[in-house]
Protein backbone atom coordinates (compact mmCIF):
# COMPACT_ATOMS: atom_id res chain seq x y z
CA MET A 1 0.00 0.04 -0.04
CA ASN A 2 1.32 3.45 -0.99
CA GLN A 3 1.95 5.46 2.38
CA LYS A 4 3.51 8.50 0.56
CA PRO A 5 1.14 11.74 0.69
CA ALA A 6 -0.15 12.75 -2.70
CA PHE A 7 1.56 16.32 -2.49
CA ILE A 8 4.80 15.12 -2.93
CA LYS A 9 4.06 14.28 -6.94
CA GLU A 10 2.63 17.95 -7.11
CA LEU A 11 5.85 19.88 -6.01
CA SER A 12 8.18 21.31 -8.69
CA LEU A 13 11.06 19.80 -6.65
CA PRO A 14 11.16 17.20 -3.88
CA ALA A 15 12.15 19.78 -1.33
CA ILE A 16 11.24 21.39 2.10
CA ALA A 17 12.75 24.61 3.42
CA ALA A 18 13.39 23.85 7.00
CA PRO A 19 11.73 25.89 9.74
CA MET A 20 14.71 28.15 11.15
CA PHE A 21 14.75 29.76 14.45
CA LEU A 22 14.50 33.51 14.07
CA ILE A 23 14.83 33.19 10.39
CA SER A 24 11.71 31.87 8.81
CA GLY A 25 8.74 34.10 8.40
CA PRO A 26 5.51 34.47 6.10
CA LYS A 27 7.48 35.92 3.45
CA LEU A 28 9.87 33.03 3.13
CA VAL A 29 7.12 30.48 3.63
CA VAL A 30 4.94 31.97 0.87
CA GLU A 31 7.62 32.42 -1.88
CA CYS A 32 8.40 28.68 -1.32
CA CYS A 33 5.06 27.58 -1.66
CA LYS A 34 4.40 29.60 -4.66
CA ASN A 35 7.57 28.22 -6.36
CA GLY A 36 6.53 24.69 -5.79
CA ILE A 37 8.39 23.55 -2.73
CA VAL A 38 7.18 23.11 1.01
CA GLY A 39 7.73 26.49 2.96
CA THR A 40 7.63 26.15 6.94
CA PHE A 41 8.57 28.13 10.08
CA PRO A 42 8.58 27.57 13.83
CA ALA A 43 5.43 28.58 15.66
CA LEU A 44 7.77 30.10 18.26
CA ASN A 45 9.22 32.66 15.78
CA GLN A 46 6.26 34.77 17.04
CA ARG A 47 6.50 35.66 20.49
CA THR A 48 2.77 34.92 21.26
CA SER A 49 0.11 32.50 20.18
CA GLU A 50 -1.90 35.48 18.82
CA GLY A 51 1.03 36.64 16.82
CA PHE A 52 1.40 33.12 15.55
CA GLU A 53 -2.27 32.94 14.42
CA ASP A 54 -1.79 36.26 12.69
CA TRP A 55 1.03 34.66 10.61
CA LEU A 56 -1.19 31.52 9.73
CA VAL A 57 -3.99 34.05 8.28
CA GLU A 58 -1.50 35.97 6.43
CA ILE A 59 0.12 32.96 4.74
CA LYS A 60 -3.32 31.07 4.08
CA SER A 61 -4.63 34.38 2.44
CA GLU A 62 -1.37 35.01 0.41
CA LEU A 63 -1.63 31.43 -0.85
CA GLN A 64 -5.27 31.64 -1.78
CA LYS A 65 -4.75 35.09 -3.45
CA PHE A 66 -1.91 33.39 -5.63
CA GLU A 67 -3.86 30.47 -6.57
CA GLU A 68 -6.81 32.63 -7.72
CA GLU A 69 -4.84 34.99 -9.72
CA THR A 70 -2.51 32.29 -11.49
CA GLY A 71 -4.68 29.26 -11.53
CA LYS A 72 -1.72 27.30 -10.14
CA LYS A 73 -1.66 25.26 -7.05
CA ALA A 74 0.62 26.27 -4.19
CA ALA A 75 2.72 23.77 -2.36
CA PRO A 76 1.59 23.13 1.27
CA PHE A 77 3.05 24.96 4.16
CA GLY A 78 4.00 23.68 7.44
CA VAL A 79 4.69 24.79 11.09
CA ASN A 80 7.43 23.35 13.47
CA LEU A 81 6.00 22.81 17.03
CA ILE A 82 8.28 21.95 19.86
CA VAL A 83 6.57 19.13 21.81
CA HIS A 84 8.23 19.41 25.21
CA PRO A 85 7.09 20.35 28.66
CA THR A 86 9.13 23.35 28.56
CA ASN A 87 7.04 24.96 25.77
CA PRO A 88 3.95 26.55 27.63
CA ARG A 89 2.21 27.44 24.23
CA LEU A 90 1.84 23.98 22.92
CA GLU A 91 -1.40 23.46 23.62
CA ALA A 92 -2.74 26.86 22.45
CA ASP A 93 -0.70 26.54 19.29
CA ILE A 94 -1.86 23.15 18.54
CA LYS A 95 -5.52 24.44 18.73
CA LEU A 96 -4.47 27.17 16.19
CA CYS A 97 -3.00 24.53 13.97
CA VAL A 98 -6.35 22.49 14.05
CA LYS A 99 -8.46 25.58 13.68
CA HIS A 100 -6.51 26.64 10.56
CA GLN A 101 -5.93 23.17 9.25
CA VAL A 102 -2.25 23.51 8.67
CA PRO A 103 -1.30 21.06 6.04
CA ILE A 104 1.97 20.01 7.66
CA ILE A 105 3.16 19.89 11.20
CA ILE A 106 6.73 19.33 11.90
CA THR A 107 7.28 18.08 15.60
CA SER A 108 10.51 18.30 17.71
CA LEU A 109 11.71 17.17 20.94
CA GLY A 110 8.77 14.66 21.44
CA ALA A 111 6.53 12.56 19.27
CA VAL A 112 3.21 12.31 21.29
CA SER A 113 0.33 10.41 19.86
CA MET A 114 -2.13 13.14 21.34
CA VAL A 115 -0.60 15.69 19.07
CA VAL A 116 -0.63 13.28 15.85
CA ASP A 117 -4.32 12.61 16.47
CA ALA A 118 -5.13 16.23 16.77
CA ILE A 119 -3.67 16.97 13.33
CA HIS A 120 -4.99 13.78 11.69
CA SER A 121 -8.45 15.10 13.05
CA TYR A 122 -8.42 17.39 9.83
CA GLY A 123 -6.44 15.32 7.58
CA GLY A 124 -3.14 17.01 8.36
CA LEU A 125 0.41 15.35 8.15
CA VAL A 126 2.76 14.99 11.13
CA PHE A 127 6.54 14.74 10.23
CA HIS A 128 8.87 14.22 13.24
CA ASP A 129 12.71 14.88 13.29
CA ILE A 130 14.99 12.30 14.61
CA ILE A 131 18.73 11.78 14.76
CA LYS A 132 18.70 8.10 15.56
CA LYS A 133 16.88 4.76 15.30
CA ARG A 134 15.43 4.59 18.86
CA HIS A 135 13.68 8.15 18.20
CA ALA A 136 12.36 6.82 14.88
CA GLU A 137 10.84 3.87 16.80
CA LYS A 138 8.94 6.17 19.27
CA ALA A 139 8.05 8.35 16.57
CA GLN A 140 6.59 5.43 14.53
CA GLU A 141 4.51 4.22 17.52
CA ALA A 142 3.06 7.82 18.01
CA GLY A 143 1.51 7.37 14.35
CA VAL A 144 3.46 10.03 12.49
CA ASP A 145 3.21 10.33 8.73
CA GLY A 146 6.98 10.91 8.11
CA LEU A 147 10.33 10.92 9.59
CA ILE A 148 12.89 13.90 9.28
CA LEU A 149 16.38 12.03 9.43
CA VAL A 150 18.90 14.81 10.62
CA ALA A 151 22.18 13.36 9.73
CA ALA A 152 25.61 14.62 10.49
CA GLY A 153 26.61 17.98 9.30
CA ALA A 154 23.12 19.50 9.25
CA GLY A 155 22.55 22.84 10.87
CA GLY A 156 21.02 23.19 14.24
CA HIS A 157 20.31 20.26 16.46
CA ALA A 158 22.08 17.52 14.28
CA GLY A 159 22.91 14.13 14.90
CA THR A 160 26.13 12.24 14.04
CA ILE A 161 25.30 9.39 11.62
CA ASN A 162 26.19 9.29 8.14
CA PRO A 163 23.03 9.90 6.04
CA MET A 164 23.52 6.78 3.88
CA THR A 165 23.46 4.58 7.04
CA LEU A 166 20.69 6.44 8.63
CA VAL A 167 18.46 6.53 5.75
CA ALA A 168 19.13 2.56 5.24
CA GLU A 169 18.62 1.72 8.84
CA ILE A 170 15.42 3.74 9.08
CA LYS A 171 13.86 2.23 6.03
CA LYS A 172 14.13 -1.17 7.48
CA PHE A 173 11.28 -0.80 9.65
CA PHE A 174 9.58 2.75 8.55
CA HIS A 175 7.66 2.38 5.45
CA LYS A 176 6.05 6.05 5.30
CA THR A 177 7.66 9.22 4.05
CA ILE A 178 11.37 9.84 4.57
CA ILE A 179 12.83 13.27 4.64
CA LEU A 180 16.81 13.67 4.71
CA SER A 181 18.32 16.47 6.34
CA GLY A 182 22.05 17.47 6.47
CA CYS A 183 24.39 19.15 4.09
CA ILE A 184 21.84 19.70 1.27
CA SER A 185 22.77 22.87 -0.55
CA THR A 186 22.41 21.97 -4.31
CA GLY A 187 20.08 20.28 -6.74
CA ARG A 188 22.63 17.56 -7.12
CA ASP A 189 22.38 17.13 -3.30
CA ILE A 190 18.28 16.68 -3.65
CA ALA A 191 19.05 14.11 -6.33
CA SER A 192 21.59 12.25 -4.10
CA ALA A 193 18.93 12.13 -1.20
CA LEU A 194 16.32 10.47 -3.50
CA GLN A 195 18.97 7.81 -4.53
CA MET A 196 19.74 7.18 -1.08
CA GLY A 197 16.13 6.34 -0.47
CA ALA A 198 14.59 9.71 0.96
CA ASP A 199 11.36 10.85 -0.55
CA LEU A 200 12.21 14.63 0.06
CA ALA A 201 15.25 16.81 0.84
CA TYR A 202 15.04 19.03 3.81
CA MET A 203 16.93 22.13 3.42
CA GLY A 204 17.96 24.81 5.87
CA THR A 205 21.09 26.70 5.69
CA ARG A 206 20.69 27.27 1.84
CA PHE A 207 17.52 29.07 2.66
CA ILE A 208 19.16 31.39 5.09
CA ASN A 209 20.82 33.04 1.98
CA THR A 210 17.68 34.12 0.27
CA ASP A 211 16.20 37.79 -0.07
CA GLU A 212 12.93 36.55 2.15
CA ALA A 213 14.96 35.09 5.06
CA LYS A 214 14.94 37.23 8.16
CA ALA A 215 18.62 36.93 8.64
CA PRO A 216 20.88 39.75 8.88
CA ASP A 217 23.42 40.46 5.81
CA GLU A 218 26.41 39.80 8.28
CA TYR A 219 24.80 36.34 8.73
CA LYS A 220 24.64 35.49 5.13
CA LYS A 221 28.15 36.73 4.57
CA MET A 222 29.64 34.39 7.11
CA ILE A 223 27.76 31.56 5.39
CA ILE A 224 29.39 32.48 2.06
CA ASP A 225 32.91 32.74 3.56
CA ALA A 226 32.67 29.53 5.51
CA GLY A 227 33.87 26.14 4.76
CA ALA A 228 32.96 22.78 6.30
CA ASN A 229 35.64 23.20 8.92
CA ASP A 230 34.26 26.35 10.15
CA VAL A 231 31.04 24.72 11.26
CA VAL A 232 31.47 23.91 15.01
CA TYR A 233 29.34 20.98 16.64
CA THR A 234 28.85 21.97 20.43
CA ALA A 235 26.47 21.57 23.21
CA ALA A 236 27.52 24.66 24.92
CA ILE A 237 24.98 26.94 23.54
CA SER A 238 21.67 25.16 24.14
CA GLY A 239 22.55 22.14 26.30
CA VAL A 240 22.06 19.88 23.13
CA HIS A 241 24.59 19.39 20.49
CA ALA A 242 24.27 21.59 17.48
CA ASN A 243 26.24 23.11 14.64
CA PHE A 244 27.14 26.82 14.67
CA LEU A 245 29.35 29.15 12.57
CA GLY A 246 32.59 29.25 14.27
CA ALA A 247 33.26 32.82 13.41
CA SER A 248 30.02 33.76 15.15
CA LEU A 249 31.12 31.81 18.25
CA LYS A 250 34.36 33.66 18.04
CA ALA A 251 32.86 36.99 17.72
CA ALA A 252 30.79 36.43 20.93
CA GLY A 253 33.88 35.76 22.96
CA LEU A 254 33.55 32.02 23.34
CA THR A 255 36.71 29.94 23.98
CA GLU A 256 37.70 26.48 22.76
CA GLU A 257 37.23 25.60 26.46
CA ASP A 258 33.63 27.11 26.45
CA LEU A 259 32.95 24.92 23.45
CA LYS A 260 34.02 21.76 24.88
CA LYS A 261 31.60 21.80 27.57
CA ASP A 262 28.65 19.27 27.40
CA ARG A 263 26.26 21.50 29.14
CA LYS A 264 24.91 24.95 28.52
CA ILE A 265 27.18 27.62 29.52
CA ASP A 266 25.98 30.48 31.57
CA PHE A 267 25.28 33.27 29.19
CA GLY A 268 24.55 35.77 31.84
CA LYS A 269 28.14 35.77 32.84
CA GLU A 270 30.06 34.86 29.59
CA LEU A 271 27.94 37.14 27.35
CA ASP A 272 25.64 40.39 28.29
CA THR A 273 22.51 38.28 27.97
CA GLU A 274 21.09 35.06 26.71
CA ALA A 275 18.90 36.89 24.31
CA LYS A 276 21.97 38.48 22.74
CA ALA A 277 23.63 35.25 22.35
CA TRP A 278 20.99 33.79 20.23
CA LYS A 279 20.87 36.96 18.15
CA THR A 280 24.75 36.92 17.64
CA ILE A 281 25.40 33.28 17.59
CA TRP A 282 24.52 31.73 14.10
CA SER A 283 23.61 28.29 13.29
CA ALA A 284 24.58 26.55 9.94
CA GLY A 285 25.32 23.37 8.60
CA GLN A 286 28.50 22.21 6.64
CA GLY A 287 26.51 22.64 3.46
CA SER A 288 27.65 26.20 3.84
CA ALA A 289 30.82 25.26 2.05
CA LEU A 290 28.73 25.06 -1.15
CA ILE A 291 26.99 28.46 -0.72
CA ASP A 292 28.65 31.29 -2.35
CA ASP A 293 25.52 33.65 -2.91
CA SER A 294 22.26 34.95 -1.56
CA LEU A 295 19.18 35.00 -4.08
CA PRO A 296 15.47 35.57 -4.11
CA ILE A 297 13.72 32.31 -3.60
CA ALA A 298 12.30 32.22 -6.99
CA GLU A 299 15.75 32.52 -8.68
CA LEU A 300 17.27 29.84 -6.00
CA VAL A 301 14.43 27.36 -6.85
CA ASP A 302 15.06 27.51 -10.40
CA HIS A 303 18.73 27.12 -9.84
CA LEU A 304 17.98 23.94 -7.83
CA LYS A 305 15.67 22.60 -10.44
CA SER A 306 18.19 22.99 -13.19
CA GLU A 307 21.03 21.44 -11.07
CA PHE A 308 18.50 18.40 -10.09
CA LYS A 309 17.62 17.54 -13.55
CA ALA A 310 21.13 17.69 -14.66
CA ALA A 311 22.19 15.26 -11.89
CA ILE A 312 19.42 12.86 -12.83
CA GLU A 313 20.19 12.93 -16.51
CA GLU A 314 23.80 12.16 -15.67
CA GLN A 315 22.62 9.06 -13.71
CA ILE A 316 20.52 7.97 -16.62
CA LYS A 317 23.80 7.93 -18.71
CA VAL A 318 25.44 5.70 -16.05
CA LEU A 319 23.17 3.17 -17.09
CA GLU A 320 24.59 3.06 -20.58
CA THR A 321 27.92 2.45 -19.03
CA TYR A 322 26.74 -0.15 -16.81
CA PRO A 323 23.77 -1.79 -18.63
CA LYS A 324 23.65 -5.25 -16.97
């Protein structure tokens, strides 16, 4: 039985622009969806549930207007929810997602059947991010529709497992949608994700360097200047291991000793405030090494589509070399 959602075949490119803390907003989401890929944002990028609902209304209105004016179907959009006791807004934000029938919900830090049931009540889909097999098994038990495999080198809270191994291991028991995250910056990378067995590619860092992202110019330039070795994997910032741009860590005054800590550092002592830390310490994946520009989303998607098509055509030619 086919357990893959129908929308995948309707995309212009098998890709999701990942929800990025402080970076993703309505403008980015809408432009992604208009150009045929899934746009997403974290609910907590709005400070209140009221503000979150305003964004939902804005996104739905803009996409409806686009469809009416062009006759084209926009890609679905998604919202990232932090499913953890430390998120006091979870219940209120879930109710708003149900009220506005958000097509895709991305859950982090907890796969809970209650959340899945609420989203399934109106036909929505739930994708859950994982970094290891045990997390995937728990998410499967909760009834999620897809898994986002956050492999080594991804921006933010990344895992450490090679993507080829991670996809193969999870596909042994999970037969729904597989979404691969980690160092995906080009159309060729998207094609590679599909060859490994993923259904969709999950791209974060590449969409920081777009006109519609809420990232400051200094952030975008730092990504352009960064190589793979300039990305630092540390638990010192949030208490959970994640990848950050080394230049931003250095600019914040953090030392190598600070970054070796397995627990969250005291920002109150080591920086002016924790809020300042999150505004000046910038996350990115090792895929930064392949990013050398900042573009409007429409132009970026066109480039990705061209690269994706060229990569697939090259692979078709490989069959001529190895026909048996």
